[in-house]
Amino acid sequence: MTEPTSNHDSDLWETARQKMVENQLRFRGISDPRVLDAMSRVPREKFVSPEQKQFAYNDCALPIDCSQTISQPYTVAFMCEAARLTGHENVLEVGTGSGYGAAVLSLLAHEVHTIERIPELVQQASARLTSLGYSNVHVYSSDGTLGVAEAAPFDAIIVTAGAETLPEPYVEQLNEGGRIIIPIGSETMGQTMYRYTLIKGELTQENLGAFAFVPLIGEYGWSR
């Protein structure tokens, strides 16, 4: 698409957003109306660099600062749908990145706590989310594999980086009936997305298919 260059052209972004929802999400099986609505409302073009804006609604991940990425729209919607949110939840997102996923989650849950290990991204995302009015999002700068114990328990934990195994702190910080959505597998060869649900103190596991993410770095993740 041609990049909009003025306020008058903002309708072009809206059109691109709605096409993304129809052609990339609904067409590929995303059906939760609340997820579709949230994806139609968050301006992804505000979460990418000026150089990447023209690609904001393409069906792909895009590079952001610090050698990280903003996930493709379908992946964000898939993980949000898998979390089965109804609007009353306390949610932890691991891997803030640009803040886009947290913005989408803010429209789906009551409170969103998002944690990022890279200080530069923390500063950028926090400022961006504040300026765009996402007041129920709280950004933390720390090792994401440790979770955020002071904000627990969580009704859902969404992990936007590939883990080697399920970090124990997530299980410890999960509410009864809560869900963990996390890709687990190889650091470089892709992962399998799993949904873990805590039922009467026991975790059930569901295989949600193959995905590829940057590695989850930290005490309970891959080392650097």
C-alpha atoms as a PDB file:
ATOM      1  CA  MET A   1       0.000   0.000   0.000  1.00  0.00           C
ATOM      2  CA  THR A   2       0.997   3.637  -0.371  1.00  0.00           C
ATOM      3  CA  GLU A   3       1.991   5.041   3.002  1.00  0.00           C
ATOM      4  CA  PRO A   4      -0.409   7.710   4.282  1.00  0.00           C
ATOM      5  CA  THR A   5       1.365  11.025   4.788  1.00  0.00           C
ATOM      6  CA  SER A   6      -1.248  13.249   6.439  1.00  0.00           C
ATOM      7  CA  ASN A   7      -4.168  13.190   8.833  1.00  0.00           C
ATOM      8  CA  HIS A   8      -6.468  13.187   5.839  1.00  0.00           C
ATOM      9  CA  ASP A   9      -4.912   9.882   4.779  1.00  0.00           C
ATOM     10  CA  SER A  10      -5.668   8.168   8.104  1.00  0.00           C
ATOM     11  CA  ASP A  11      -8.615   6.479   6.405  1.00  0.00           C
ATOM     12  CA  LEU A  12      -6.060   4.508   4.375  1.00  0.00           C
ATOM     13  CA  TRP A  13      -4.677   3.014   7.590  1.00  0.00           C
ATOM     14  CA  GLU A  14      -8.203   2.128   8.685  1.00  0.00           C
ATOM     15  CA  THR A  15      -8.858   0.439   5.354  1.00  0.00           C
ATOM     16  CA  ALA A  16      -5.581  -1.486   5.570  1.00  0.00           C
ATOM     17  CA  ARG A  17      -6.450  -2.581   9.111  1.00  0.00           C
ATOM     18  CA  GLN A  18      -9.871  -3.881   8.123  1.00  0.00           C
ATOM     19  CA  LYS A  19      -8.401  -5.746   5.138  1.00  0.00           C
ATOM     20  CA  MET A  20      -5.868  -7.335   7.482  1.00  0.00           C
ATOM     21  CA  VAL A  21      -8.664  -8.505   9.782  1.00  0.00           C
ATOM     22  CA  GLU A  22     -10.641 -10.008   6.906  1.00  0.00           C
ATOM     23  CA  ASN A  23      -7.860 -11.447   4.736  1.00  0.00           C
ATOM     24  CA  GLN A  24      -5.274 -12.517   7.313  1.00  0.00           C
ATOM     25  CA  LEU A  25      -7.303 -13.270  10.440  1.00  0.00           C
ATOM     26  CA  ARG A  26     -10.890 -14.206   9.710  1.00  0.00           C
ATOM     27  CA  PHE A  27      -9.880 -15.997   6.491  1.00  0.00           C
ATOM     28  CA  ARG A  28      -7.330 -18.109   8.409  1.00  0.00           C
ATOM     29  CA  GLY A  29      -9.718 -19.142  11.137  1.00  0.00           C
ATOM     30  CA  ILE A  30      -9.596 -16.455  13.835  1.00  0.00           C
ATOM     31  CA  SER A  31     -13.228 -16.304  14.936  1.00  0.00           C
ATOM     32  CA  ASP A  32     -13.391 -14.762  18.431  1.00  0.00           C
ATOM     33  CA  PRO A  33     -15.329 -11.521  17.811  1.00  0.00           C
ATOM     34  CA  ARG A  34     -13.567  -9.723  20.665  1.00  0.00           C
ATOM     35  CA  VAL A  35     -10.143 -10.577  19.222  1.00  0.00           C
ATOM     36  CA  LEU A  36     -11.179  -9.486  15.735  1.00  0.00           C
ATOM     37  CA  ASP A  37     -12.532  -6.220  17.137  1.00  0.00           C
ATOM     38  CA  ALA A  38      -9.354  -5.526  19.126  1.00  0.00           C
ATOM     39  CA  MET A  39      -7.160  -6.231  16.107  1.00  0.00           C
ATOM     40  CA  SER A  40      -9.313  -3.844  14.058  1.00  0.00           C
ATOM     41  CA  ARG A  41      -8.837  -1.047  16.601  1.00  0.00           C
ATOM     42  CA  VAL A  42      -5.112  -1.072  17.459  1.00  0.00           C
ATOM     43  CA  PRO A  43      -3.069   1.057  15.018  1.00  0.00           C
ATOM     44  CA  ARG A  44      -0.165  -1.263  14.180  1.00  0.00           C
ATOM     45  CA  GLU A  45       1.439   1.506  12.130  1.00  0.00           C
ATOM     46  CA  LYS A  46       2.126   3.321  15.426  1.00  0.00           C
ATOM     47  CA  PHE A  47       4.212   0.398  16.710  1.00  0.00           C
ATOM     48  CA  VAL A  48       6.749   0.132  13.872  1.00  0.00           C
ATOM     49  CA  SER A  49       9.561   2.379  12.719  1.00  0.00           C
ATOM     50  CA  PRO A  50       8.935   5.031  10.047  1.00  0.00           C
ATOM     51  CA  GLU A  51      10.874   2.867   7.591  1.00  0.00           C
ATOM     52  CA  GLN A  52       8.527  -0.064   8.208  1.00  0.00           C
ATOM     53  CA  LYS A  53       5.196   1.781   8.278  1.00  0.00           C
ATOM     54  CA  GLN A  54       4.313   0.938   4.687  1.00  0.00           C
ATOM     55  CA  PHE A  55       4.513  -2.746   5.657  1.00  0.00           C
ATOM     56  CA  ALA A  56       2.563  -2.393   8.919  1.00  0.00           C
ATOM     57  CA  TYR A  57      -0.362  -4.554   7.806  1.00  0.00           C
ATOM     58  CA  ASN A  58       1.559  -7.091   5.753  1.00  0.00           C
ATOM     59  CA  ASP A  59       1.185 -10.734   6.766  1.00  0.00           C
ATOM     60  CA  CYS A  60       4.645 -10.985   8.293  1.00  0.00           C
ATOM     61  CA  ALA A  61       6.779 -10.137  11.299  1.00  0.00           C
ATOM     62  CA  LEU A  62       8.737  -6.889  11.047  1.00  0.00           C
ATOM     63  CA  PRO A  63      12.068  -5.838  12.567  1.00  0.00           C
ATOM     64  CA  ILE A  64      12.130  -3.400  15.477  1.00  0.00           C
ATOM     65  CA  ASP A  65      15.058  -2.024  17.470  1.00  0.00           C
ATOM     66  CA  CYS A  66      17.564  -4.191  19.358  1.00  0.00           C
ATOM     67  CA  SER A  67      17.360  -7.061  16.819  1.00  0.00           C
ATOM     68  CA  GLN A  68      13.830  -7.936  17.939  1.00  0.00           C
ATOM     69  CA  THR A  69      10.603  -8.238  15.955  1.00  0.00           C
ATOM     70  CA  ILE A  70       6.940  -7.315  16.057  1.00  0.00           C
ATOM     71  CA  SER A  71       4.984 -10.519  15.432  1.00  0.00           C
ATOM     72  CA  GLN A  72       2.781 -10.845  12.369  1.00  0.00           C
ATOM     73  CA  PRO A  73      -0.852  -9.887  13.019  1.00  0.00           C
ATOM     74  CA  TYR A  74      -2.056 -13.480  12.694  1.00  0.00           C
ATOM     75  CA  THR A  75       0.303 -14.695  15.421  1.00  0.00           C
ATOM     76  CA  VAL A  76      -0.821 -11.953  17.820  1.00  0.00           C
ATOM     77  CA  ALA A  77      -4.481 -12.749  17.146  1.00  0.00           C
ATOM     78  CA  PHE A  78      -3.892 -16.505  17.419  1.00  0.00           C
ATOM     79  CA  MET A  79      -2.261 -16.234  20.839  1.00  0.00           C
ATOM     80  CA  CYS A  80      -4.929 -13.852  22.119  1.00  0.00           C
ATOM     81  CA  GLU A  81      -7.689 -16.180  20.935  1.00  0.00           C
ATOM     82  CA  ALA A  82      -5.921 -19.172  22.479  1.00  0.00           C
ATOM     83  CA  ALA A  83      -5.887 -17.376  25.849  1.00  0.00           C
ATOM     84  CA  ARG A  84      -9.719 -17.369  25.856  1.00  0.00           C
ATOM     85  CA  LEU A  85     -10.086 -13.934  27.391  1.00  0.00           C
ATOM     86  CA  THR A  86     -13.477 -12.541  28.383  1.00  0.00           C
ATOM     87  CA  GLY A  87     -12.503  -9.091  29.653  1.00  0.00           C
ATOM     88  CA  HIS A  88     -12.128  -9.653  33.402  1.00  0.00           C
ATOM     89  CA  GLU A  89      -8.655 -11.197  33.469  1.00  0.00           C
ATOM     90  CA  ASN A  90      -5.338 -10.180  34.962  1.00  0.00           C
ATOM     91  CA  VAL A  91      -2.850 -10.989  32.174  1.00  0.00           C
ATOM     92  CA  LEU A  92       0.923 -11.275  31.968  1.00  0.00           C
ATOM     93  CA  GLU A  93       2.632 -10.790  28.615  1.00  0.00           C
ATOM     94  CA  VAL A  94       6.283 -11.847  28.410  1.00  0.00           C
ATOM     95  CA  GLY A  95       8.224  -9.954  25.749  1.00  0.00           C
ATOM     96  CA  THR A  96       6.828  -6.442  25.372  1.00  0.00           C
ATOM     97  CA  GLY A  97       8.815  -5.606  22.260  1.00  0.00           C
ATOM     98  CA  SER A  98       7.140  -2.658  20.532  1.00  0.00           C
ATOM     99  CA  GLY A  99       4.100  -2.818  22.812  1.00  0.00           C
ATOM    100  CA  TYR A 100       1.704  -3.889  20.059  1.00  0.00           C
ATOM    101  CA  GLY A 101       0.659  -7.164  21.686  1.00  0.00           C
ATOM    102  CA  ALA A 102       0.077  -5.430  25.007  1.00  0.00           C
ATOM    103  CA  ALA A 103      -2.121  -2.859  23.278  1.00  0.00           C
ATOM    104  CA  VAL A 104      -4.271  -5.614  21.767  1.00  0.00           C
ATOM    105  CA  LEU A 105      -4.457  -7.414  25.121  1.00  0.00           C
ATOM    106  CA  SER A 106      -5.480  -4.176  26.841  1.00  0.00           C
ATOM    107  CA  LEU A 107      -8.752  -4.299  24.901  1.00  0.00           C
ATOM    108  CA  LEU A 108      -9.348  -7.941  25.834  1.00  0.00           C
ATOM    109  CA  ALA A 109      -8.474  -8.065  29.553  1.00  0.00           C
ATOM    110  CA  HIS A 110      -8.958  -6.001  32.703  1.00  0.00           C
ATOM    111  CA  GLU A 111      -5.261  -5.491  33.501  1.00  0.00           C
ATOM    112  CA  VAL A 112      -2.158  -6.255  31.430  1.00  0.00           C
ATOM    113  CA  HIS A 113       1.321  -6.607  32.917  1.00  0.00           C
ATOM    114  CA  THR A 114       3.993  -6.808  30.245  1.00  0.00           C
ATOM    115  CA  ILE A 115       7.675  -7.505  30.904  1.00  0.00           C
ATOM    116  CA  GLU A 116      10.706  -6.860  28.693  1.00  0.00           C
ATOM    117  CA  ARG A 117      14.397  -7.552  29.348  1.00  0.00           C
ATOM    118  CA  ILE A 118      15.798  -4.862  26.978  1.00  0.00           C
ATOM    119  CA  PRO A 119      15.708  -1.407  28.642  1.00  0.00           C
ATOM    120  CA  GLU A 120      15.591   0.521  25.357  1.00  0.00           C
ATOM    121  CA  LEU A 121      12.461  -1.356  24.273  1.00  0.00           C
ATOM    122  CA  VAL A 122      10.908  -0.885  27.721  1.00  0.00           C
ATOM    123  CA  GLN A 123      11.303   2.880  27.436  1.00  0.00           C
ATOM    124  CA  GLN A 124       9.968   3.022  23.894  1.00  0.00           C
ATOM    125  CA  ALA A 125       6.981   0.765  24.530  1.00  0.00           C
ATOM    126  CA  SER A 126       6.040   2.462  27.783  1.00  0.00           C
ATOM    127  CA  ALA A 127       6.067   5.905  26.180  1.00  0.00           C
ATOM    128  CA  ARG A 128       4.151   4.643  23.137  1.00  0.00           C
ATOM    129  CA  LEU A 129       1.460   2.880  25.149  1.00  0.00           C
ATOM    130  CA  THR A 130       1.012   5.905  27.402  1.00  0.00           C
ATOM    131  CA  SER A 131       0.751   8.330  24.495  1.00  0.00           C
ATOM    132  CA  LEU A 132      -1.862   6.135  22.816  1.00  0.00           C
ATOM    133  CA  GLY A 133      -3.956   5.934  25.976  1.00  0.00           C
ATOM    134  CA  TYR A 134      -3.599   2.275  26.976  1.00  0.00           C
ATOM    135  CA  SER A 135      -3.961   3.036  30.675  1.00  0.00           C
ATOM    136  CA  ASN A 136      -4.500  -0.548  31.881  1.00  0.00           C
ATOM    137  CA  VAL A 137      -1.064  -1.704  30.676  1.00  0.00           C
ATOM    138  CA  HIS A 138       1.849  -1.828  33.132  1.00  0.00           C
ATOM    139  CA  VAL A 139       5.360  -2.232  31.687  1.00  0.00           C
ATOM    140  CA  TYR A 140       8.199  -3.877  33.658  1.00  0.00           C
ATOM    141  CA  SER A 141      11.919  -3.999  32.926  1.00  0.00           C
ATOM    142  CA  SER A 142      13.319  -7.341  34.069  1.00  0.00           C
ATOM    143  CA  ASP A 143      14.056 -10.960  33.196  1.00  0.00           C
ATOM    144  CA  GLY A 144      10.810 -12.099  31.602  1.00  0.00           C
ATOM    145  CA  THR A 145      11.342 -15.744  32.552  1.00  0.00           C
ATOM    146  CA  LEU A 146      10.805 -14.775  36.195  1.00  0.00           C
ATOM    147  CA  GLY A 147       7.326 -13.401  35.557  1.00  0.00           C
ATOM    148  CA  VAL A 148       5.989 -10.586  37.750  1.00  0.00           C
ATOM    149  CA  ALA A 149       5.314 -12.100  41.156  1.00  0.00           C
ATOM    150  CA  GLU A 150       4.028  -8.866  42.698  1.00  0.00           C
ATOM    151  CA  ALA A 151       1.194  -8.682  40.146  1.00  0.00           C
ATOM    152  CA  ALA A 152       0.240 -12.390  40.334  1.00  0.00           C
ATOM    153  CA  PRO A 153      -1.844 -14.477  40.219  1.00  0.00           C
ATOM    154  CA  PHE A 154      -2.541 -14.284  36.478  1.00  0.00           C
ATOM    155  CA  ASP A 155      -5.543 -15.630  34.627  1.00  0.00           C
ATOM    156  CA  ALA A 156      -3.488 -15.844  31.445  1.00  0.00           C
ATOM    157  CA  ILE A 157       0.217 -15.694  30.603  1.00  0.00           C
ATOM    158  CA  ILE A 158       1.200 -15.094  26.989  1.00  0.00           C
ATOM    159  CA  VAL A 159       4.852 -15.654  26.098  1.00  0.00           C
ATOM    160  CA  THR A 160       6.033 -14.050  22.861  1.00  0.00           C
ATOM    161  CA  ALA A 161       9.421 -15.778  22.638  1.00  0.00           C
ATOM    162  CA  GLY A 162      10.436 -19.388  22.149  1.00  0.00           C
ATOM    163  CA  ALA A 163      11.334 -21.327  25.294  1.00  0.00           C
ATOM    164  CA  GLU A 164      13.333 -24.527  25.775  1.00  0.00           C
ATOM    165  CA  THR A 165      10.955 -25.676  28.533  1.00  0.00           C
ATOM    166  CA  LEU A 166       8.040 -24.200  30.480  1.00  0.00           C
ATOM    167  CA  PRO A 167       9.517 -21.796  33.084  1.00  0.00           C
ATOM    168  CA  GLU A 168       8.452 -22.773  36.594  1.00  0.00           C
ATOM    169  CA  PRO A 169       7.689 -19.188  37.721  1.00  0.00           C
ATOM    170  CA  TYR A 170       4.828 -19.033  35.223  1.00  0.00           C
ATOM    171  CA  VAL A 171       3.195 -22.078  36.787  1.00  0.00           C
ATOM    172  CA  GLU A 172       3.678 -20.638  40.267  1.00  0.00           C
ATOM    173  CA  GLN A 173       2.071 -17.333  39.235  1.00  0.00           C
ATOM    174  CA  LEU A 174      -0.927 -18.867  37.437  1.00  0.00           C
ATOM    175  CA  ASN A 175      -4.430 -18.650  38.871  1.00  0.00           C
ATOM    176  CA  GLU A 176      -6.699 -21.695  39.105  1.00  0.00           C
ATOM    177  CA  GLY A 177      -8.211 -22.154  35.662  1.00  0.00           C
ATOM    178  CA  GLY A 178      -5.536 -19.925  34.162  1.00  0.00           C
ATOM    179  CA  ARG A 179      -3.896 -20.481  30.768  1.00  0.00           C
ATOM    180  CA  ILE A 180      -0.285 -20.223  29.630  1.00  0.00           C
ATOM    181  CA  ILE A 181       0.228 -19.730  25.891  1.00  0.00           C
ATOM    182  CA  ILE A 182       3.873 -20.423  25.054  1.00  0.00           C
ATOM    183  CA  PRO A 183       6.017 -21.651  22.121  1.00  0.00           C
ATOM    184  CA  ILE A 184       8.452 -24.371  23.206  1.00  0.00           C
ATOM    185  CA  GLY A 185      11.158 -26.051  21.137  1.00  0.00           C
ATOM    186  CA  SER A 186      14.446 -25.307  19.406  1.00  0.00           C
ATOM    187  CA  GLU A 187      16.222 -21.987  19.801  1.00  0.00           C
ATOM    188  CA  THR A 188      16.794 -21.742  16.039  1.00  0.00           C
ATOM    189  CA  MET A 189      14.559 -24.298  14.290  1.00  0.00           C
ATOM    190  CA  GLY A 190      11.119 -23.200  15.444  1.00  0.00           C
ATOM    191  CA  GLN A 191       8.775 -24.193  18.210  1.00  0.00           C
ATOM    192  CA  THR A 192       5.403 -25.760  18.971  1.00  0.00           C
ATOM    193  CA  MET A 193       2.769 -23.521  20.515  1.00  0.00           C
ATOM    194  CA  TYR A 194       1.199 -24.989  23.647  1.00  0.00           C
ATOM    195  CA  ARG A 195      -1.709 -24.031  25.843  1.00  0.00           C
ATOM    196  CA  TYR A 196      -1.317 -25.112  29.461  1.00  0.00           C
ATOM    197  CA  THR A 197      -4.362 -24.869  31.727  1.00  0.00           C
ATOM    198  CA  LEU A 198      -4.226 -25.165  35.503  1.00  0.00           C
ATOM    199  CA  ILE A 199      -7.104 -27.369  36.681  1.00  0.00           C
ATOM    200  CA  LYS A 200      -7.287 -28.335  40.356  1.00  0.00           C
ATOM    201  CA  GLY A 201      -3.552 -27.859  40.753  1.00  0.00           C
ATOM    202  CA  GLU A 202      -2.623 -29.910  37.663  1.00  0.00           C
ATOM    203  CA  LEU A 203      -1.515 -28.644  34.258  1.00  0.00           C
ATOM    204  CA  THR A 204      -3.152 -29.905  31.093  1.00  0.00           C
ATOM    205  CA  GLN A 205      -1.284 -29.453  27.812  1.00  0.00           C
ATOM    206  CA  GLU A 206      -2.648 -28.812  24.297  1.00  0.00           C
ATOM    207  CA  ASN A 207      -0.601 -28.677  21.085  1.00  0.00           C
ATOM    208  CA  LEU A 208      -1.630 -25.630  19.025  1.00  0.00           C
ATOM    209  CA  GLY A 209       0.745 -26.066  16.089  1.00  0.00           C
ATOM    210  CA  ALA A 210       4.124 -24.942  14.779  1.00  0.00           C
ATOM    211  CA  PHE A 211       5.440 -21.374  15.066  1.00  0.00           C
ATOM    212  CA  ALA A 212       8.780 -19.556  14.990  1.00  0.00           C
ATOM    213  CA  PHE A 213       9.827 -16.943  17.569  1.00  0.00           C
ATOM    214  CA  VAL A 214      12.980 -15.243  18.773  1.00  0.00           C
ATOM    215  CA  PRO A 215      14.460 -17.124  21.786  1.00  0.00           C
ATOM    216  CA  LEU A 216      13.251 -16.525  25.332  1.00  0.00           C
ATOM    217  CA  ILE A 217      16.344 -15.271  27.191  1.00  0.00           C
ATOM    218  CA  GLY A 218      16.737 -15.411  30.946  1.00  0.00           C
ATOM    219  CA  GLU A 219      17.295 -17.494  34.052  1.00  0.00           C
ATOM    220  CA  TYR A 220      14.618 -20.015  33.028  1.00  0.00           C
ATOM    221  CA  GLY A 221      15.216 -19.606  29.286  1.00  0.00           C
ATOM    222  CA  TRP A 222      18.091 -19.629  26.850  1.00  0.00           C
ATOM    223  CA  SER A 223      21.360 -18.082  28.045  1.00  0.00           C
ATOM    224  CA  ARG A 224      23.239 -15.192  26.458  1.00  0.00           C
END
